[in-house]
Protein backbone atom coordinates (compact mmCIF):
# COMPACT_ATOMS: atom_id res chain seq x y z
CA MET A 1 25.93 -59.21 42.89
CA LYS A 2 24.13 -55.94 42.39
CA LYS A 3 23.45 -53.73 45.38
CA ARG A 4 19.96 -52.85 46.57
CA GLY A 5 18.60 -49.89 44.72
CA GLU A 6 20.69 -50.53 41.59
CA PHE A 7 18.87 -51.36 38.38
CA ILE A 8 20.05 -53.70 35.68
CA ARG A 9 20.21 -51.54 32.65
CA PHE A 10 19.13 -53.05 29.32
CA VAL A 11 20.47 -51.53 26.08
CA CYS A 12 20.07 -52.77 22.47
CA VAL A 13 22.74 -51.97 19.87
CA PRO A 14 22.37 -52.49 16.07
CA VAL A 15 25.37 -54.28 14.51
CA GLN A 16 26.16 -54.65 10.80
CA VAL A 17 28.59 -57.40 9.76
CA PHE A 18 30.48 -57.15 6.47
CA PHE A 19 32.46 -59.86 4.68
CA LYS A 20 34.57 -58.95 1.66
CA ARG A 21 32.84 -55.57 1.54
CA GLU A 22 29.41 -57.18 1.32
CA LEU A 23 26.79 -56.89 4.03
CA THR A 24 26.14 -60.41 5.29
CA HIS A 25 24.31 -59.76 8.57
CA ASP A 26 22.23 -56.85 9.84
CA LEU A 27 21.47 -57.70 13.50
CA THR A 28 20.49 -56.13 16.80
CA PHE A 29 22.24 -57.17 20.05
CA CYS A 30 20.96 -56.47 23.56
CA PHE A 31 23.41 -56.17 26.51
CA PHE A 32 22.80 -56.28 30.26
CA ASP A 33 24.66 -54.45 33.04
CA LEU A 34 26.31 -51.65 31.21
CA SER A 35 28.20 -50.69 34.37
CA ASN A 36 31.00 -52.97 33.20
CA ARG A 37 31.81 -51.22 29.95
CA ASN A 38 35.07 -53.07 29.41
CA GLY A 39 33.31 -56.41 29.67
CA LEU A 40 30.64 -55.15 27.31
CA SER A 41 33.27 -54.15 24.76
CA GLN A 42 34.93 -57.51 24.99
CA LEU A 43 31.59 -59.30 24.66
CA GLY A 44 30.70 -57.24 21.59
CA ASP A 45 34.05 -57.94 19.97
CA GLU A 46 33.69 -61.64 20.68
CA LEU A 47 30.19 -61.80 19.20
CA ILE A 48 31.21 -59.86 16.10
CA GLY A 49 34.20 -62.18 15.66
CA ARG A 50 31.96 -65.25 15.84
CA ILE A 51 29.48 -63.82 13.33
CA THR A 52 32.30 -62.93 10.95
CA ALA A 53 33.61 -66.49 11.19
CA MET A 54 30.12 -67.79 10.42
CA GLY A 55 29.95 -65.56 7.31
CA GLU A 56 33.31 -66.84 6.08
CA LYS A 57 32.22 -70.43 6.61
CA LYS A 58 28.96 -69.83 4.73
CA GLN A 59 30.79 -68.17 1.84
CA LYS A 60 33.23 -71.09 1.60
CA GLN A 61 30.35 -73.57 1.59
CA GLN A 62 28.64 -71.64 -1.24
CA THR A 63 31.91 -71.64 -3.19
CA LYS A 64 32.21 -75.41 -2.73
CA ASN A 65 28.63 -75.88 -3.95
CA TRP A 66 29.34 -73.80 -7.07
CA VAL A 67 32.45 -75.87 -7.79
CA LYS A 68 30.41 -79.08 -7.51
CA ALA A 69 27.74 -77.67 -9.84
CA LEU A 70 30.36 -76.61 -12.40
CA VAL A 71 31.96 -80.06 -12.31
CA ILE A 72 28.59 -81.77 -12.84
CA ILE A 73 27.68 -79.46 -15.74
CA ALA A 74 31.08 -80.01 -17.34
CA CYS A 75 30.64 -83.80 -17.10
CA VAL A 76 27.15 -83.64 -18.62
CA LEU A 77 28.37 -81.47 -21.50
CA PHE A 78 31.27 -83.81 -22.14
CA ALA A 79 28.95 -86.83 -22.22
CA GLY A 80 26.60 -84.96 -24.59
CA LEU A 81 29.45 -84.10 -26.94
CA MET A 82 30.55 -87.74 -26.96
CA VAL A 83 27.03 -88.84 -27.98
CA VAL A 84 26.80 -86.20 -30.73
CA SER A 85 30.23 -87.17 -32.03
CA ALA A 86 29.18 -90.82 -32.23
CA MET A 87 26.05 -89.84 -34.19
CA GLY A 88 28.08 -88.15 -36.92
CA THR A 89 26.38 -85.47 -39.00
CA GLY A 90 23.25 -87.41 -39.94
CA TRP A 91 21.29 -85.96 -37.02
CA LEU A 92 21.58 -82.51 -38.61
CA SER A 93 19.11 -83.60 -41.30
CA PHE A 94 16.38 -83.39 -38.66
CA PHE A 95 16.69 -79.60 -38.84
CA THR A 96 16.95 -79.46 -42.65
CA VAL A 97 13.94 -78.29 -44.65
CA VAL A 98 13.40 -78.42 -48.40
CA LYS A 99 14.36 -75.19 -50.13
CA PRO A 100 13.72 -74.16 -53.76
CA GLY A 101 16.27 -75.84 -56.01
CA ASP A 102 17.00 -78.76 -53.66
CA THR A 103 17.14 -82.26 -55.10
CA VAL A 104 14.57 -84.25 -53.15
CA THR A 105 13.85 -87.98 -53.20
CA ILE A 106 10.27 -88.87 -52.29
CA ASP A 107 7.99 -91.82 -51.74
CA TYR A 108 4.50 -91.26 -53.12
CA THR A 109 1.07 -92.78 -53.55
CA ILE A 110 -1.45 -91.60 -56.15
CA ARG A 111 -5.09 -92.16 -55.15
CA ASP A 112 -8.33 -92.10 -57.09
CA GLY A 113 -11.49 -90.19 -56.15
CA ASN A 114 -12.49 -92.91 -53.66
CA GLY A 115 -9.12 -92.85 -51.90
CA ASN A 116 -7.94 -96.12 -53.42
CA PRO A 117 -4.21 -96.30 -54.28
CA LEU A 118 -3.42 -96.61 -57.99
CA VAL A 119 0.35 -96.10 -58.02
CA THR A 120 2.64 -96.38 -54.99
CA THR A 121 6.25 -96.76 -53.90
CA ASP A 122 5.09 -98.45 -50.69
CA GLN A 123 5.61 -102.18 -51.17
CA GLN A 124 3.35 -103.04 -48.25
CA VAL A 125 0.48 -101.08 -49.80
CA TYR A 126 1.18 -102.67 -53.18
CA ARG A 127 1.14 -106.23 -51.82
CA SER A 128 -2.05 -105.58 -49.87
CA VAL A 129 -3.98 -104.15 -52.83
CA ALA A 130 -2.59 -106.59 -55.42
CA GLY A 131 -3.35 -109.47 -53.06
CA SER A 132 -7.00 -108.43 -52.94
CA GLY A 133 -7.23 -108.66 -56.73
CA SER A 134 -7.48 -104.90 -57.38
CA GLY A 135 -5.35 -103.15 -59.97
CA ILE A 136 -2.32 -101.21 -58.73
CA PHE A 137 1.16 -100.29 -59.97
CA LEU A 138 4.39 -100.33 -57.96
CA SER A 139 6.77 -97.46 -58.67
CA LYS A 140 10.32 -96.56 -57.75
CA GLN A 141 11.07 -93.47 -55.68
CA LEU A 142 10.77 -90.17 -57.50
CA VAL A 143 13.52 -87.51 -57.64
CA VAL A 144 12.20 -83.95 -57.82
CA GLN A 145 13.81 -80.51 -58.07
CA ALA A 146 11.97 -78.48 -55.45
CA ASN A 147 9.86 -75.65 -56.90
CA GLN A 148 11.12 -76.37 -60.43
CA SER A 149 8.49 -76.74 -63.17
CA SER A 150 8.62 -79.48 -65.76
CA ASN A 151 8.68 -78.61 -69.46
CA LYS A 152 6.94 -81.87 -70.39
CA ALA A 153 3.23 -82.51 -70.72
CA VAL A 154 3.61 -86.19 -69.85
CA ILE A 155 6.34 -87.68 -67.66
CA PRO A 156 6.65 -91.48 -68.08
CA ILE A 157 7.21 -93.24 -64.75
CA GLN A 158 8.41 -96.83 -64.88
CA VAL A 159 6.01 -99.07 -62.96
CA TYR A 160 5.67 -102.72 -62.04
CA SER A 161 2.52 -104.81 -62.45
CA VAL A 162 1.73 -108.46 -61.88
CA GLU A 163 0.95 -108.96 -65.57
CA GLY A 164 3.81 -107.06 -67.22
CA GLY A 165 6.58 -106.73 -64.64
CA TRP A 166 8.57 -103.50 -65.15
CA SER A 167 7.70 -103.28 -68.86
CA LYS A 168 5.13 -100.47 -68.57
CA THR A 169 5.25 -96.77 -67.77
CA PHE A 170 2.63 -94.67 -65.99
CA ALA A 171 1.68 -91.23 -67.31
CA LEU A 172 2.32 -88.55 -64.69
CA PHE A 173 1.14 -85.21 -66.08
CA GLY A 174 3.41 -82.18 -65.98
CA GLY A 175 0.91 -80.26 -63.85
CA GLU A 176 0.88 -83.03 -61.25
CA PHE A 177 4.67 -83.10 -61.18
CA ASP A 178 4.75 -79.31 -60.71
CA ALA A 179 2.25 -79.57 -57.83
CA ILE A 180 4.58 -82.03 -56.09
CA ALA A 181 7.66 -79.89 -56.72
CA SER A 182 6.09 -76.72 -55.31
CA ASN A 183 4.35 -78.30 -52.30
CA ILE A 184 7.40 -80.10 -50.89
CA VAL A 185 9.15 -76.76 -50.16
CA GLY A 186 9.41 -76.35 -46.39
CA MET A 187 9.04 -80.08 -45.62
CA LYS A 188 11.53 -82.04 -43.49
CA ASP A 189 13.00 -85.54 -43.71
CA ASN A 190 10.33 -88.24 -43.19
CA GLU A 191 7.56 -85.63 -43.19
CA GLN A 192 4.35 -86.66 -44.94
CA LYS A 193 1.87 -84.53 -46.82
CA SER A 194 -1.24 -85.10 -48.92
CA ILE A 195 -1.02 -82.81 -51.96
CA ARG A 196 -4.27 -81.83 -53.65
CA ILE A 197 -4.39 -81.53 -57.43
CA PRO A 198 -6.62 -78.48 -58.06
CA PHE A 199 -7.28 -79.05 -61.78
CA ARG A 200 -8.33 -82.70 -61.63
CA ASP A 201 -12.01 -81.91 -62.33
CA SER A 202 -11.12 -80.56 -65.77
CA MET A 203 -9.26 -83.74 -66.74
CA THR A 204 -12.07 -85.58 -68.51
CA GLN A 205 -12.59 -87.09 -71.94
CA THR A 206 -15.72 -88.19 -73.83
CA TRP A 207 -15.55 -91.48 -75.71
CA SER A 208 -18.16 -92.17 -78.36
CA VAL A 209 -19.61 -95.58 -79.07
CA ALA A 210 -17.39 -95.79 -82.17
CA GLN A 211 -14.25 -95.00 -80.18
CA LEU A 212 -15.15 -97.61 -77.64
CA LYS A 213 -15.66 -100.22 -80.36
CA SER A 214 -12.33 -99.37 -81.98
CA ASN A 215 -10.71 -100.22 -78.68
CA GLY A 216 -12.65 -103.47 -78.35
CA VAL A 217 -15.09 -102.20 -75.73
CA ASN A 218 -18.90 -102.41 -75.97
CA LEU A 219 -21.01 -99.65 -74.41
CA THR A 220 -23.31 -102.23 -72.85
CA ASP A 221 -20.39 -103.70 -70.89
CA ILE A 222 -19.51 -100.41 -69.18
CA GLN A 223 -20.99 -99.13 -65.94
CA ILE A 224 -20.47 -95.87 -64.05
CA GLY A 225 -17.56 -96.35 -61.66
CA ASP A 226 -15.69 -98.78 -63.90
CA GLN A 227 -11.97 -98.18 -64.37
CA ILE A 228 -10.45 -98.15 -67.84
CA ALA A 229 -6.77 -98.24 -68.78
CA MET A 230 -5.97 -95.42 -71.21
CA GLY A 231 -2.91 -94.92 -73.40
CA VAL A 232 -1.48 -91.41 -73.01
CA SER A 233 1.28 -89.72 -74.98
CA ASP A 234 2.44 -86.21 -75.80
CA THR A 235 3.29 -87.37 -79.35
CA PRO A 236 0.74 -86.17 -81.98
CA GLU A 237 1.36 -89.23 -84.18
CA LEU A 238 0.08 -91.62 -81.50
CA GLU A 239 -3.08 -92.59 -83.43
CA LYS A 240 -1.09 -93.42 -86.57
CA ASN A 241 1.59 -95.52 -84.90
CA THR A 242 0.11 -97.07 -81.79
CA THR A 243 2.52 -99.49 -80.15
CA ALA A 244 2.89 -100.59 -76.54
CA SER A 245 6.11 -98.60 -76.17
CA SER A 246 4.75 -95.35 -77.62
CA TYR A 247 2.35 -94.48 -74.80
CA SER A 248 2.09 -94.55 -71.03
CA ILE A 249 -0.80 -95.92 -69.01
CA ARG A 250 -3.35 -93.76 -67.23
CA ILE A 251 -6.23 -95.24 -65.24
CA GLY A 252 -9.53 -93.46 -65.92
CA GLU A 253 -12.92 -93.82 -64.23
CA VAL A 254 -16.30 -93.75 -65.96
CA THR A 255 -18.30 -90.89 -64.44
CA LYS A 256 -21.17 -90.55 -66.95
CA LYS A 257 -22.90 -92.82 -69.45
CA SER A 258 -25.41 -92.17 -72.22
CA ALA A 259 -26.55 -93.74 -75.49
CA ASP A 260 -23.86 -91.73 -77.29
CA GLY A 261 -20.93 -92.88 -75.17
CA VAL A 262 -19.25 -92.31 -71.82
CA VAL A 263 -17.33 -89.59 -69.98
CA ILE A 264 -14.07 -90.74 -68.43
CA SER A 265 -12.24 -88.80 -65.72
CA PHE A 266 -8.50 -89.35 -65.64
CA GLY A 267 -7.60 -86.81 -62.96
CA TYR A 268 -6.62 -87.73 -59.41
CA PRO A 269 -7.53 -85.58 -56.39
CA THR A 270 -4.54 -86.27 -54.13
CA ILE A 271 -0.96 -87.49 -54.16
CA ASP A 272 0.54 -88.52 -50.81
CA VAL A 273 4.27 -87.78 -50.53
CA THR A 274 6.96 -88.56 -47.93
CA ILE A 275 10.40 -86.92 -47.93
CA VAL A 276 13.09 -89.62 -48.11
CA SER A 277 16.19 -87.44 -48.49
CA ILE A 278 17.19 -83.85 -49.26
CA ASN A 279 20.25 -83.39 -51.48
CA ASN A 280 21.16 -87.04 -50.79
CA ARG A 281 21.45 -86.39 -47.03
């Protein structure tokens, strides 16, 4: 008990607590009755000891949490590596792009000025169009050297038709082939692109009445928009020795008609391509 006239003295002392040389607590403690200095010292030591123990406990808990996190991450990485290993190396093709010189296999569809398919590797498209009674050719996949120009004016592509089976070839012009080869650079597996043919407007031919008659066609039977099958070859002797095997087929469209004859366009505005494989990957 304090005596009358004595005051309870109130003193606050700042205390810094370190654990492993790191400051973990920066606190202020207030003590009563400083007359008992020994008791105060013991109380301070006891409080500091408790705080130090709390810091050690907290540090151990943090260490345990880190260990748990590392174990979880290691397990996730192991599971991921197992999945990748099971996939083999095929998944790497997702990151592969076509580079100049690559050997690329493509699916393609050639369309006329109205967007109608004329030649395609897509069997579903072929069956749909052929089933409607419209003319269309089915082709096999095309192998192209990326960014490599062709030295041929006409490239015969074997095609299938209802009437002739696989007996005919379609005339793909060298410029069209080059447009495909240059525009596939930078594409990935399964990527699709519609390639525009810039020179298609210049690919026209005028047929006189006499030329039409020599091919068994009367001018009166032709209307603008009609499609005509044309024989195309890069052989100069075509007119002297015309046989079914000496030319390839090109589908032209009548764009103009007069008393003197017709103008036929045999250029196509777009070719749709899809990358099937790059260097057989």
